[in-house]
Amino acid sequence: MDQDVKQVLLGSMLGDGHLSLNKKNQCINASFVEMHHPRQKEYLLWKKEILEKEFTVKYTESKSKSYRGGKSVAIYTWIHPILTKYHQVFYPNGVKEKTFSTKILKQLTPMGLAVWYMDDGHLSKWGNTAKISTHPKEIMRVKEYFESLLSSKCTTHQGDIHFKKDQTKKFFDMIKPYIHQSMQYKLKVPEETRKIIKKKKKEYLKKYRAKNKEKIKISQRQYHKENREKLLNQARKRGKKKYRELHPLKEGLVCLKCSSTFNQTHCAQKYCSKKCSKNGYLILNPRSKEKAKECKREYYQKNKEEILKRMKINYRLKQESEE
């Protein structure tokens, strides 16, 4: 058999294709059938051209409730002894559901993987990651195959195998030359759709943040407590000086103006939020009033001119309001 025909047949059998053996009509040999939405018409015709090297293939258009619009497109071959051999491999002992072994997976080349991905592969909205769907019974076997092929671990979820960013790049580099023109959208998301997705995401986040302000604050505080070292390492790499890095969490924070203390959850604040607003700067100290007074004195000595200016401005505003 021609290698291109073999890879198209194996890839489509792992995807949307199936082999049928009609015993009621006393058929000895099997035939290949595959059905798609009318959007994949060009893709099916490409498969037909390749399979016609070994088999007689026909193309049909019919009505079906399984697809949107109530129409479907399909190709089917006449019965052939080669297809009966593959029927025994994929449907052993007359089993109705498809099953496949590691031997079949090892026979796949980049062309066969491309056909499988074009049938049952999906690209994420942002085009960073991809997934390929399989039969839930054979998911662990397929996972081991892709892990050995891509030399990294994959994840599974509801009969789908998810690839990471590095894995998708590696996988797409293998497949790109064999992807049909009509299925290029599975490799790259167009810019127009990305813009639409960004707008919808912004609108959704605005509504969600407005409704769940308190929940977000609580979750952020818990995350900062649990992953403090991780966040500090990220800040060090960026070269930024953070208030937390200079002052550890164990000691309390005290306001210079109103001497109000703050717990660990409020340690990210730079200004007092109770009385002083932006004028009351926080400083690190144990929770004692004596040391807070000492800090006040030092602060007033250093910033006398600024404090007097603020006092004068506030005094003028009061007089204007009274008049």
C-alpha atoms as a PDB file:
ATOM      1  CA  MET A   1       0.000   0.000   0.000  1.00  0.00           C
ATOM      2  CA  ASP A   2       1.080   3.572  -0.700  1.00  0.00           C
ATOM      3  CA  GLN A   3       2.437   5.338   2.436  1.00  0.00           C
ATOM      4  CA  ASP A   4       0.277   8.446   1.959  1.00  0.00           C
ATOM      5  CA  VAL A   5      -2.859   6.291   1.732  1.00  0.00           C
ATOM      6  CA  LYS A   6      -1.830   4.334   4.812  1.00  0.00           C
ATOM      7  CA  GLN A   7      -1.210   7.469   6.909  1.00  0.00           C
ATOM      8  CA  VAL A   8      -4.502   9.098   5.844  1.00  0.00           C
ATOM      9  CA  LEU A   9      -6.362   5.912   6.703  1.00  0.00           C
ATOM     10  CA  LEU A  10      -4.690   5.478  10.108  1.00  0.00           C
ATOM     11  CA  GLY A  11      -5.077   9.155  11.035  1.00  0.00           C
ATOM     12  CA  SER A  12      -8.730   9.250  10.042  1.00  0.00           C
ATOM     13  CA  MET A  13      -9.439   5.990  11.904  1.00  0.00           C
ATOM     14  CA  LEU A  14      -7.984   7.519  15.051  1.00  0.00           C
ATOM     15  CA  GLY A  15     -10.127  10.586  14.308  1.00  0.00           C
ATOM     16  CA  ASP A  16     -13.604  10.759  12.741  1.00  0.00           C
ATOM     17  CA  GLY A  17     -13.463   7.849  10.310  1.00  0.00           C
ATOM     18  CA  HIS A  18     -14.751   4.312  10.830  1.00  0.00           C
ATOM     19  CA  LEU A  19     -14.831   0.945   9.049  1.00  0.00           C
ATOM     20  CA  SER A  20     -18.113  -0.839   8.417  1.00  0.00           C
ATOM     21  CA  LEU A  21     -18.648  -4.498   7.691  1.00  0.00           C
ATOM     22  CA  ASN A  22     -22.238  -5.302   6.740  1.00  0.00           C
ATOM     23  CA  LYS A  23     -22.791  -8.941   7.696  1.00  0.00           C
ATOM     24  CA  LYS A  24     -26.534  -8.780   7.034  1.00  0.00           C
ATOM     25  CA  ASN A  25     -25.874  -8.444   3.313  1.00  0.00           C
ATOM     26  CA  GLN A  26     -23.262 -11.205   3.588  1.00  0.00           C
ATOM     27  CA  CYS A  27     -20.332  -8.856   2.907  1.00  0.00           C
ATOM     28  CA  ILE A  28     -16.926 -10.453   3.430  1.00  0.00           C
ATOM     29  CA  ASN A  29     -14.879  -7.255   3.116  1.00  0.00           C
ATOM     30  CA  ALA A  30     -15.163  -3.892   4.889  1.00  0.00           C
ATOM     31  CA  SER A  31     -15.488  -0.311   3.652  1.00  0.00           C
ATOM     32  CA  PHE A  32     -14.286   3.051   4.982  1.00  0.00           C
ATOM     33  CA  VAL A  33     -16.733   5.876   5.818  1.00  0.00           C
ATOM     34  CA  GLU A  34     -16.200   9.432   7.108  1.00  0.00           C
ATOM     35  CA  MET A  35     -18.680  12.269   7.646  1.00  0.00           C
ATOM     36  CA  HIS A  36     -18.148  16.008   8.277  1.00  0.00           C
ATOM     37  CA  HIS A  37     -19.864  19.400   8.268  1.00  0.00           C
ATOM     38  CA  PRO A  38     -20.103  21.121   4.836  1.00  0.00           C
ATOM     39  CA  ARG A  39     -17.400  23.563   5.980  1.00  0.00           C
ATOM     40  CA  GLN A  40     -14.889  20.685   5.771  1.00  0.00           C
ATOM     41  CA  LYS A  41     -15.849  19.871   2.183  1.00  0.00           C
ATOM     42  CA  GLU A  42     -12.427  20.784   0.720  1.00  0.00           C
ATOM     43  CA  TYR A  43     -10.672  18.765   3.404  1.00  0.00           C
ATOM     44  CA  LEU A  44     -12.750  15.679   2.577  1.00  0.00           C
ATOM     45  CA  LEU A  45     -12.077  16.056  -1.144  1.00  0.00           C
ATOM     46  CA  TRP A  46      -8.340  16.203  -0.363  1.00  0.00           C
ATOM     47  CA  LYS A  47      -8.698  12.878   1.470  1.00  0.00           C
ATOM     48  CA  LYS A  48     -10.643  11.456  -1.444  1.00  0.00           C
ATOM     49  CA  GLU A  49      -7.847  12.269  -3.923  1.00  0.00           C
ATOM     50  CA  ILE A  50      -5.274  10.440  -1.786  1.00  0.00           C
ATOM     51  CA  LEU A  51      -7.435   7.381  -1.063  1.00  0.00           C
ATOM     52  CA  GLU A  52      -8.295   6.987  -4.763  1.00  0.00           C
ATOM     53  CA  LYS A  53      -4.730   5.730  -5.349  1.00  0.00           C
ATOM     54  CA  GLU A  54      -5.752   2.381  -3.796  1.00  0.00           C
ATOM     55  CA  PHE A  55      -9.569   2.388  -3.463  1.00  0.00           C
ATOM     56  CA  THR A  56     -12.648   3.541  -5.322  1.00  0.00           C
ATOM     57  CA  VAL A  57     -14.075   6.465  -3.346  1.00  0.00           C
ATOM     58  CA  LYS A  58     -17.366   8.351  -3.678  1.00  0.00           C
ATOM     59  CA  TYR A  59     -18.449  11.727  -2.333  1.00  0.00           C
ATOM     60  CA  THR A  60     -22.002  12.441  -1.125  1.00  0.00           C
ATOM     61  CA  GLU A  61     -24.047  15.297   0.375  1.00  0.00           C
ATOM     62  CA  SER A  62     -27.057  14.492   2.534  1.00  0.00           C
ATOM     63  CA  LYS A  63     -29.310  15.772   5.323  1.00  0.00           C
ATOM     64  CA  SER A  64     -28.462  15.025   8.954  1.00  0.00           C
ATOM     65  CA  LYS A  65     -29.641  16.301  12.337  1.00  0.00           C
ATOM     66  CA  SER A  66     -26.216  15.846  13.971  1.00  0.00           C
ATOM     67  CA  TYR A  67     -24.771  18.972  12.269  1.00  0.00           C
ATOM     68  CA  ARG A  68     -25.911  22.602  12.261  1.00  0.00           C
ATOM     69  CA  GLY A  69     -27.901  23.537   9.214  1.00  0.00           C
ATOM     70  CA  GLY A  70     -29.188  19.980   8.829  1.00  0.00           C
ATOM     71  CA  LYS A  71     -26.624  19.040   6.153  1.00  0.00           C
ATOM     72  CA  SER A  72     -23.556  16.802   6.068  1.00  0.00           C
ATOM     73  CA  VAL A  73     -20.778  15.781   3.707  1.00  0.00           C
ATOM     74  CA  ALA A  74     -19.293  12.291   3.510  1.00  0.00           C
ATOM     75  CA  ILE A  75     -16.942   9.992   1.606  1.00  0.00           C
ATOM     76  CA  TYR A  76     -17.105   6.211   1.445  1.00  0.00           C
ATOM     77  CA  THR A  77     -15.124   3.494  -0.299  1.00  0.00           C
ATOM     78  CA  TRP A  78     -16.161   0.266  -1.875  1.00  0.00           C
ATOM     79  CA  ILE A  79     -15.385  -2.948  -0.013  1.00  0.00           C
ATOM     80  CA  HIS A  80     -11.759  -4.076  -0.163  1.00  0.00           C
ATOM     81  CA  PRO A  81      -9.726  -6.928   1.456  1.00  0.00           C
ATOM     82  CA  ILE A  82      -7.093  -4.490   2.793  1.00  0.00           C
ATOM     83  CA  LEU A  83      -9.783  -2.703   4.777  1.00  0.00           C
ATOM     84  CA  THR A  84     -10.944  -5.988   6.340  1.00  0.00           C
ATOM     85  CA  LYS A  85      -7.438  -6.465   7.792  1.00  0.00           C
ATOM     86  CA  TYR A  86      -7.629  -3.024   9.385  1.00  0.00           C
ATOM     87  CA  HIS A  87     -11.168  -3.849  10.564  1.00  0.00           C
ATOM     88  CA  GLN A  88      -9.794  -6.837  12.483  1.00  0.00           C
ATOM     89  CA  VAL A  89      -7.156  -4.579  14.069  1.00  0.00           C
ATOM     90  CA  PHE A  90      -9.489  -1.733  15.102  1.00  0.00           C
ATOM     91  CA  TYR A  91     -12.534  -3.940  15.884  1.00  0.00           C
ATOM     92  CA  PRO A  92     -11.108  -7.237  17.241  1.00  0.00           C
ATOM     93  CA  ASN A  93     -13.517 -10.122  17.911  1.00  0.00           C
ATOM     94  CA  GLY A  94     -16.476  -8.196  16.466  1.00  0.00           C
ATOM     95  CA  VAL A  95     -16.315  -5.323  18.974  1.00  0.00           C
ATOM     96  CA  LYS A  96     -18.463  -2.296  18.023  1.00  0.00           C
ATOM     97  CA  GLU A  97     -16.235   0.392  19.600  1.00  0.00           C
ATOM     98  CA  LYS A  98     -12.871   1.280  18.111  1.00  0.00           C
ATOM     99  CA  THR A  99      -9.745   0.061  19.919  1.00  0.00           C
ATOM    100  CA  PHE A 100      -6.112   0.472  18.930  1.00  0.00           C
ATOM    101  CA  SER A 101      -2.774  -0.734  20.232  1.00  0.00           C
ATOM    102  CA  THR A 102       0.632   0.895  20.601  1.00  0.00           C
ATOM    103  CA  LYS A 103       1.752  -0.796  17.363  1.00  0.00           C
ATOM    104  CA  ILE A 104      -0.679   1.361  15.364  1.00  0.00           C
ATOM    105  CA  LEU A 105       0.485   4.516  17.146  1.00  0.00           C
ATOM    106  CA  LYS A 106       4.116   3.694  16.373  1.00  0.00           C
ATOM    107  CA  GLN A 107       3.248   3.360  12.665  1.00  0.00           C
ATOM    108  CA  LEU A 108       2.125   6.998  12.542  1.00  0.00           C
ATOM    109  CA  THR A 109       4.263   9.561  10.733  1.00  0.00           C
ATOM    110  CA  PRO A 110       3.850  13.385  10.834  1.00  0.00           C
ATOM    111  CA  MET A 111       1.291  13.076   8.017  1.00  0.00           C
ATOM    112  CA  GLY A 112      -0.838  10.631  10.022  1.00  0.00           C
ATOM    113  CA  LEU A 113      -0.617  12.844  13.102  1.00  0.00           C
ATOM    114  CA  ALA A 114      -1.674  15.834  10.988  1.00  0.00           C
ATOM    115  CA  VAL A 115      -4.771  13.978   9.744  1.00  0.00           C
ATOM    116  CA  TRP A 116      -5.631  12.967  13.304  1.00  0.00           C
ATOM    117  CA  TYR A 117      -5.269  16.571  14.524  1.00  0.00           C
ATOM    118  CA  MET A 118      -7.330  17.963  11.616  1.00  0.00           C
ATOM    119  CA  ASP A 119     -10.119  15.526  12.527  1.00  0.00           C
ATOM    120  CA  ASP A 120     -10.170  15.740  16.340  1.00  0.00           C
ATOM    121  CA  GLY A 121      -7.722  18.501  17.274  1.00  0.00           C
ATOM    122  CA  HIS A 122      -8.616  21.883  18.767  1.00  0.00           C
ATOM    123  CA  LEU A 123      -6.706  25.122  19.284  1.00  0.00           C
ATOM    124  CA  SER A 124      -7.235  27.368  22.317  1.00  0.00           C
ATOM    125  CA  LYS A 125      -8.802  30.833  21.983  1.00  0.00           C
ATOM    126  CA  TRP A 126      -5.444  32.581  22.316  1.00  0.00           C
ATOM    127  CA  GLY A 127      -3.594  30.090  20.077  1.00  0.00           C
ATOM    128  CA  ASN A 128      -1.027  29.129  22.740  1.00  0.00           C
ATOM    129  CA  THR A 129      -2.092  25.583  23.543  1.00  0.00           C
ATOM    130  CA  ALA A 130      -3.816  22.729  21.746  1.00  0.00           C
ATOM    131  CA  LYS A 131      -5.642  19.514  22.561  1.00  0.00           C
ATOM    132  CA  ILE A 132      -6.532  16.311  20.751  1.00  0.00           C
ATOM    133  CA  SER A 133      -9.467  14.070  21.620  1.00  0.00           C
ATOM    134  CA  THR A 134      -9.426  10.277  21.782  1.00  0.00           C
ATOM    135  CA  HIS A 135     -11.549   7.444  23.035  1.00  0.00           C
ATOM    136  CA  PRO A 136     -11.719   7.515  26.862  1.00  0.00           C
ATOM    137  CA  LYS A 137     -10.715   3.849  27.155  1.00  0.00           C
ATOM    138  CA  GLU A 138      -7.472   4.403  25.232  1.00  0.00           C
ATOM    139  CA  ILE A 139      -6.561   7.788  26.724  1.00  0.00           C
ATOM    140  CA  MET A 140      -3.709   6.553  28.945  1.00  0.00           C
ATOM    141  CA  ARG A 141      -2.109   4.693  26.065  1.00  0.00           C
ATOM    142  CA  VAL A 142      -2.270   7.767  23.841  1.00  0.00           C
ATOM    143  CA  LYS A 143      -0.927   9.946  26.652  1.00  0.00           C
ATOM    144  CA  GLU A 144       2.151   7.733  27.039  1.00  0.00           C
ATOM    145  CA  TYR A 145       2.689   7.851  23.280  1.00  0.00           C
ATOM    146  CA  PHE A 146       2.637  11.668  23.116  1.00  0.00           C
ATOM    147  CA  GLU A 147       4.836  11.965  26.210  1.00  0.00           C
ATOM    148  CA  SER A 148       7.494   9.801  24.551  1.00  0.00           C
ATOM    149  CA  LEU A 149       7.093  11.660  21.235  1.00  0.00           C
ATOM    150  CA  LEU A 150       7.276  15.173  22.709  1.00  0.00           C
ATOM    151  CA  SER A 151       9.616  14.222  25.607  1.00  0.00           C
ATOM    152  CA  SER A 152       7.459  15.957  28.254  1.00  0.00           C
ATOM    153  CA  LYS A 153       4.368  15.236  30.340  1.00  0.00           C
ATOM    154  CA  CYS A 154       0.827  15.884  29.051  1.00  0.00           C
ATOM    155  CA  THR A 155      -2.436  16.364  30.928  1.00  0.00           C
ATOM    156  CA  THR A 156      -5.816  14.697  30.386  1.00  0.00           C
ATOM    157  CA  HIS A 157      -9.365  15.948  30.888  1.00  0.00           C
ATOM    158  CA  GLN A 158     -12.621  14.267  29.789  1.00  0.00           C
ATOM    159  CA  GLY A 159     -11.151  12.221  26.951  1.00  0.00           C
ATOM    160  CA  ASP A 160      -8.879  15.042  25.723  1.00  0.00           C
ATOM    161  CA  ILE A 161      -5.090  15.265  25.847  1.00  0.00           C
ATOM    162  CA  HIS A 162      -3.875  18.813  26.492  1.00  0.00           C
ATOM    163  CA  PHE A 163      -0.494  20.049  25.291  1.00  0.00           C
ATOM    164  CA  LYS A 164       1.502  22.848  26.923  1.00  0.00           C
ATOM    165  CA  LYS A 165       3.006  25.809  25.041  1.00  0.00           C
ATOM    166  CA  ASP A 166       6.350  24.120  24.385  1.00  0.00           C
ATOM    167  CA  GLN A 167       4.638  20.899  23.348  1.00  0.00           C
ATOM    168  CA  THR A 168       2.288  22.652  20.924  1.00  0.00           C
ATOM    169  CA  LYS A 169       5.203  24.408  19.179  1.00  0.00           C
ATOM    170  CA  LYS A 170       7.054  21.123  18.830  1.00  0.00           C
ATOM    171  CA  PHE A 171       3.921  19.320  17.622  1.00  0.00           C
ATOM    172  CA  PHE A 172       2.999  22.035  15.094  1.00  0.00           C
ATOM    173  CA  ASP A 173       6.533  22.068  13.659  1.00  0.00           C
ATOM    174  CA  MET A 174       6.112  18.368  12.844  1.00  0.00           C
ATOM    175  CA  ILE A 175       2.631  18.771  11.346  1.00  0.00           C
ATOM    176  CA  LYS A 176       2.713  22.107   9.481  1.00  0.00           C
ATOM    177  CA  PRO A 177       3.755  20.879   5.998  1.00  0.00           C
ATOM    178  CA  TYR A 178       0.876  18.355   5.920  1.00  0.00           C
ATOM    179  CA  ILE A 179      -1.987  20.592   7.072  1.00  0.00           C
ATOM    180  CA  HIS A 180      -4.561  21.425   4.398  1.00  0.00           C
ATOM    181  CA  GLN A 181      -5.201  25.073   3.488  1.00  0.00           C
ATOM    182  CA  SER A 182      -8.820  24.931   4.648  1.00  0.00           C
ATOM    183  CA  MET A 183      -7.707  23.700   8.114  1.00  0.00           C
ATOM    184  CA  GLN A 184      -5.044  26.332   8.785  1.00  0.00           C
ATOM    185  CA  TYR A 185      -7.300  27.924  11.423  1.00  0.00           C
ATOM    186  CA  LYS A 186      -6.347  25.018  13.724  1.00  0.00           C
ATOM    187  CA  LEU A 187      -2.738  26.200  13.745  1.00  0.00           C
ATOM    188  CA  LYS A 188      -3.200  29.952  14.208  1.00  0.00           C
ATOM    189  CA  VAL A 189      -6.047  32.121  15.486  1.00  0.00           C
ATOM    190  CA  PRO A 190      -6.814  35.105  13.193  1.00  0.00           C
ATOM    191  CA  GLU A 191      -6.333  38.622  14.580  1.00  0.00           C
ATOM    192  CA  GLU A 192      -9.996  39.622  14.145  1.00  0.00           C
ATOM    193  CA  THR A 193     -11.211  36.846  16.433  1.00  0.00           C
ATOM    194  CA  ARG A 194      -8.550  37.732  19.008  1.00  0.00           C
ATOM    195  CA  LYS A 195      -9.777  41.330  19.160  1.00  0.00           C
ATOM    196  CA  ILE A 196     -13.365  40.171  19.652  1.00  0.00           C
ATOM    197  CA  ILE A 197     -12.288  37.781  22.431  1.00  0.00           C
ATOM    198  CA  LYS A 198     -10.325  40.542  24.216  1.00  0.00           C
ATOM    199  CA  LYS A 199     -13.349  42.871  24.234  1.00  0.00           C
ATOM    200  CA  LYS A 200     -15.645  40.172  25.610  1.00  0.00           C
ATOM    201  CA  LYS A 201     -13.088  39.227  28.260  1.00  0.00           C
ATOM    202  CA  LYS A 202     -12.740  42.837  29.471  1.00  0.00           C
ATOM    203  CA  GLU A 203     -16.510  43.258  29.741  1.00  0.00           C
ATOM    204  CA  TYR A 204     -16.846  39.996  31.666  1.00  0.00           C
ATOM    205  CA  LEU A 205     -14.025  40.898  34.097  1.00  0.00           C
ATOM    206  CA  LYS A 206     -15.526  44.316  34.835  1.00  0.00           C
ATOM    207  CA  LYS A 207     -18.874  42.778  35.761  1.00  0.00           C
ATOM    208  CA  TYR A 208     -17.253  40.014  37.816  1.00  0.00           C
ATOM    209  CA  ARG A 209     -14.993  42.405  39.772  1.00  0.00           C
ATOM    210  CA  ALA A 210     -17.878  44.752  40.519  1.00  0.00           C
ATOM    211  CA  LYS A 211     -19.989  41.924  41.977  1.00  0.00           C
ATOM    212  CA  ASN A 212     -17.239  40.045  43.877  1.00  0.00           C
ATOM    213  CA  LYS A 213     -14.961  42.721  45.376  1.00  0.00           C
ATOM    214  CA  GLU A 214     -14.797  41.175  48.852  1.00  0.00           C
ATOM    215  CA  LYS A 215     -14.128  37.644  47.595  1.00  0.00           C
ATOM    216  CA  ILE A 216     -11.268  38.870  45.400  1.00  0.00           C
ATOM    217  CA  LYS A 217      -9.648  40.733  48.319  1.00  0.00           C
ATOM    218  CA  ILE A 218      -9.825  37.673  50.585  1.00  0.00           C
ATOM    219  CA  SER A 219      -8.375  35.380  47.921  1.00  0.00           C
ATOM    220  CA  GLN A 220      -5.549  37.848  47.193  1.00  0.00           C
ATOM    221  CA  ARG A 221      -4.603  38.069  50.867  1.00  0.00           C
ATOM    222  CA  GLN A 222      -4.525  34.284  51.207  1.00  0.00           C
ATOM    223  CA  TYR A 223      -2.413  33.954  48.072  1.00  0.00           C
ATOM    224  CA  HIS A 224       0.095  36.577  49.310  1.00  0.00           C
ATOM    225  CA  LYS A 225       0.424  34.774  52.645  1.00  0.00           C
ATOM    226  CA  GLU A 226       0.931  31.326  51.115  1.00  0.00           C
ATOM    227  CA  ASN A 227       3.263  32.401  48.275  1.00  0.00           C
ATOM    228  CA  ARG A 228       5.244  35.240  49.841  1.00  0.00           C
ATOM    229  CA  GLU A 229       8.711  33.869  48.955  1.00  0.00           C
ATOM    230  CA  LYS A 230       7.701  33.213  45.373  1.00  0.00           C
ATOM    231  CA  LEU A 231       6.458  36.796  44.908  1.00  0.00           C
ATOM    232  CA  LEU A 232       9.619  38.236  46.445  1.00  0.00           C
ATOM    233  CA  ASN A 233      11.826  36.214  44.096  1.00  0.00           C
ATOM    234  CA  GLN A 234       9.827  37.487  41.126  1.00  0.00           C
ATOM    235  CA  ALA A 235      10.280  41.084  42.344  1.00  0.00           C
ATOM    236  CA  ARG A 236      14.018  40.573  42.769  1.00  0.00           C
ATOM    237  CA  LYS A 237      14.354  39.282  39.226  1.00  0.00           C
ATOM    238  CA  ARG A 238      12.536  42.329  37.868  1.00  0.00           C
ATOM    239  CA  GLY A 239      14.815  44.622  39.897  1.00  0.00           C
ATOM    240  CA  LYS A 240      12.030  46.357  41.842  1.00  0.00           C
ATOM    241  CA  LYS A 241      12.193  47.250  45.570  1.00  0.00           C
ATOM    242  CA  LYS A 242       9.008  46.234  47.322  1.00  0.00           C
ATOM    243  CA  TYR A 243       7.809  47.315  50.739  1.00  0.00           C
ATOM    244  CA  ARG A 244       7.477  43.698  51.813  1.00  0.00           C
ATOM    245  CA  GLU A 245      11.036  42.800  50.888  1.00  0.00           C
ATOM    246  CA  LEU A 246      12.469  45.608  53.037  1.00  0.00           C
ATOM    247  CA  HIS A 247      10.123  44.939  55.972  1.00  0.00           C
ATOM    248  CA  PRO A 248       9.171  41.375  57.032  1.00  0.00           C
ATOM    249  CA  LEU A 249       5.612  40.401  57.854  1.00  0.00           C
ATOM    250  CA  LYS A 250       6.167  39.397  61.496  1.00  0.00           C
ATOM    251  CA  GLU A 251       6.444  42.975  62.775  1.00  0.00           C
ATOM    252  CA  GLY A 252       3.506  45.400  62.738  1.00  0.00           C
ATOM    253  CA  LEU A 253       3.001  48.614  60.800  1.00  0.00           C
ATOM    254  CA  VAL A 254       2.322  51.911  62.547  1.00  0.00           C
ATOM    255  CA  CYS A 255       1.049  55.211  61.109  1.00  0.00           C
ATOM    256  CA  LEU A 256       3.216  58.269  61.800  1.00  0.00           C
ATOM    257  CA  LYS A 257       0.272  60.635  62.158  1.00  0.00           C
ATOM    258  CA  CYS A 258      -2.482  58.793  63.997  1.00  0.00           C
ATOM    259  CA  SER A 259      -0.324  55.914  65.440  1.00  0.00           C
ATOM    260  CA  SER A 260      -2.842  53.267  64.267  1.00  0.00           C
ATOM    261  CA  THR A 261      -1.451  49.758  63.833  1.00  0.00           C
ATOM    262  CA  PHE A 262      -2.118  47.332  60.999  1.00  0.00           C
ATOM    263  CA  ASN A 263      -2.209  43.544  60.774  1.00  0.00           C
ATOM    264  CA  GLN A 264      -0.258  41.335  58.372  1.00  0.00           C
ATOM    265  CA  THR A 265      -3.059  41.430  55.837  1.00  0.00           C
ATOM    266  CA  HIS A 266      -2.663  45.214  55.434  1.00  0.00           C
ATOM    267  CA  CYS A 267       1.139  45.147  55.153  1.00  0.00           C
ATOM    268  CA  ALA A 268       1.087  45.907  51.422  1.00  0.00           C
ATOM    269  CA  GLN A 269      -0.323  49.405  52.092  1.00  0.00           C
ATOM    270  CA  LYS A 270       1.938  52.431  51.814  1.00  0.00           C
ATOM    271  CA  TYR A 271      -0.508  54.913  53.365  1.00  0.00           C
ATOM    272  CA  CYS A 272      -2.871  54.915  56.309  1.00  0.00           C
ATOM    273  CA  SER A 273      -6.419  54.084  55.216  1.00  0.00           C
ATOM    274  CA  LYS A 274      -8.304  54.853  58.463  1.00  0.00           C
ATOM    275  CA  LYS A 275      -7.932  58.603  59.201  1.00  0.00           C
ATOM    276  CA  CYS A 276      -4.937  60.150  57.507  1.00  0.00           C
ATOM    277  CA  SER A 277      -5.509  59.023  53.889  1.00  0.00           C
ATOM    278  CA  LYS A 278      -2.401  59.826  51.815  1.00  0.00           C
ATOM    279  CA  ASN A 279      -0.835  62.207  54.389  1.00  0.00           C
ATOM    280  CA  GLY A 280      -0.242  59.491  57.002  1.00  0.00           C
ATOM    281  CA  TYR A 281       2.758  57.454  55.895  1.00  0.00           C
ATOM    282  CA  LEU A 282       3.239  53.987  57.390  1.00  0.00           C
ATOM    283  CA  ILE A 283       6.496  52.832  58.978  1.00  0.00           C
ATOM    284  CA  LEU A 284       7.583  49.456  60.264  1.00  0.00           C
ATOM    285  CA  ASN A 285       7.733  49.117  64.055  1.00  0.00           C
ATOM    286  CA  PRO A 286       6.594  46.758  66.808  1.00  0.00           C
ATOM    287  CA  ARG A 287       3.097  47.493  68.056  1.00  0.00           C
ATOM    288  CA  SER A 288       4.056  49.869  70.873  1.00  0.00           C
ATOM    289  CA  LYS A 289       2.960  53.503  71.230  1.00  0.00           C
ATOM    290  CA  GLU A 290       6.310  54.684  72.658  1.00  0.00           C
ATOM    291  CA  LYS A 291       8.274  53.700  69.574  1.00  0.00           C
ATOM    292  CA  ALA A 292       5.537  55.125  67.380  1.00  0.00           C
ATOM    293  CA  LYS A 293       5.985  58.503  69.110  1.00  0.00           C
ATOM    294  CA  GLU A 294       9.755  58.353  68.515  1.00  0.00           C
ATOM    295  CA  CYS A 295       9.105  57.696  64.838  1.00  0.00           C
ATOM    296  CA  LYS A 296       6.727  60.670  64.760  1.00  0.00           C
ATOM    297  CA  ARG A 297       9.375  63.003  66.169  1.00  0.00           C
ATOM    298  CA  GLU A 298      11.974  61.877  63.640  1.00  0.00           C
ATOM    299  CA  TYR A 299       9.459  62.293  60.836  1.00  0.00           C
ATOM    300  CA  TYR A 300       8.481  65.834  61.930  1.00  0.00           C
ATOM    301  CA  GLN A 301      12.116  66.909  62.259  1.00  0.00           C
ATOM    302  CA  LYS A 302      12.970  65.707  58.766  1.00  0.00           C
ATOM    303  CA  ASN A 303       9.828  67.076  57.067  1.00  0.00           C
ATOM    304  CA  LYS A 304       9.020  70.284  58.942  1.00  0.00           C
ATOM    305  CA  GLU A 305       8.608  72.443  55.847  1.00  0.00           C
ATOM    306  CA  GLU A 306       6.207  70.067  54.094  1.00  0.00           C
ATOM    307  CA  ILE A 307       4.080  69.684  57.225  1.00  0.00           C
ATOM    308  CA  LEU A 308       3.831  73.471  57.741  1.00  0.00           C
ATOM    309  CA  LYS A 309       2.734  73.955  54.139  1.00  0.00           C
ATOM    310  CA  ARG A 310      -0.014  71.366  54.572  1.00  0.00           C
ATOM    311  CA  MET A 311      -1.141  73.001  57.825  1.00  0.00           C
ATOM    312  CA  LYS A 312      -1.385  76.427  56.173  1.00  0.00           C
ATOM    313  CA  ILE A 313      -3.323  75.062  53.224  1.00  0.00           C
ATOM    314  CA  ASN A 314      -5.786  73.230  55.462  1.00  0.00           C
ATOM    315  CA  TYR A 315      -6.237  76.360  57.626  1.00  0.00           C
ATOM    316  CA  ARG A 316      -7.066  78.503  54.563  1.00  0.00           C
ATOM    317  CA  LEU A 317      -9.559  75.964  53.294  1.00  0.00           C
ATOM    318  CA  LYS A 318     -11.363  75.945  56.641  1.00  0.00           C
ATOM    319  CA  GLN A 319     -11.606  79.726  56.711  1.00  0.00           C
ATOM    320  CA  GLU A 320     -12.990  79.835  53.170  1.00  0.00           C
ATOM    321  CA  SER A 321     -15.568  77.189  54.008  1.00  0.00           C
ATOM    322  CA  GLU A 322     -16.691  79.080  57.169  1.00  0.00           C
ATOM    323  CA  GLU A 323     -17.067  82.367  55.263  1.00  0.00           C
END
